[in-house]
Amino acid sequence: MVDMFSVSNVQRFWTKVIRQPGERGHWFWVGAIADDGYGRFSINHDGITDAVRPHRYSYALANELDLTDFGQLMHICDIPLCVRASQDELTHLVVGDVRENMRDRQLKRRDENGSGFKWSGLPRENFARMSRALRAELLEHGISRPEILSALTAGNDPLAPTLF
């Protein structure tokens, strides 16, 4: 019987993550991305293959939980491809229900009437396009161009000309 958290699944998972340095840096998923802009990770267990969200897999690993032992997760960092999970205050992922997630959106002004955060209110294909652009940058240049990563994680076009 092969376990969801077998050595081979876990090792394969971490080969698809690029970590920013520093105690608050993001851990970016650079594997498959679904049409909603969130990652997809295929795990082999018990003779079957399942697709799971990488941020859920990372959270389960960090907290020694089964994937069904917790509800929805919220990205504190608001980056769909971030999989940084830990049992301390450095985690970027926390359990939260729909109500908590909506409250978090409003507090951070990510709702459709908010401050114009570029990831809010986008059609799925645009959301996926932005995640894929971030992944492409990471795969081509790693974390060597922080200004480009910063623009992409904020939902901005890093190649757009500035006014000054």
Foldseek 3Di string as FASTA:
>chain_A
DFDQPHPVNVVVLQVQWFWDDDLQTFTFGLDDADLQQFHWGWGDDPNDIDIDGLLLVLQCVQVVHDSPPADDKDQQLQFRRGNAYHPDPSRRIDGDDPVVNVVSCVVVQQEPPGDCQQCHPDPSNLSNVLSNVLSVCCVVPNCPDVQCNVCSRSNHHSPDDDPD
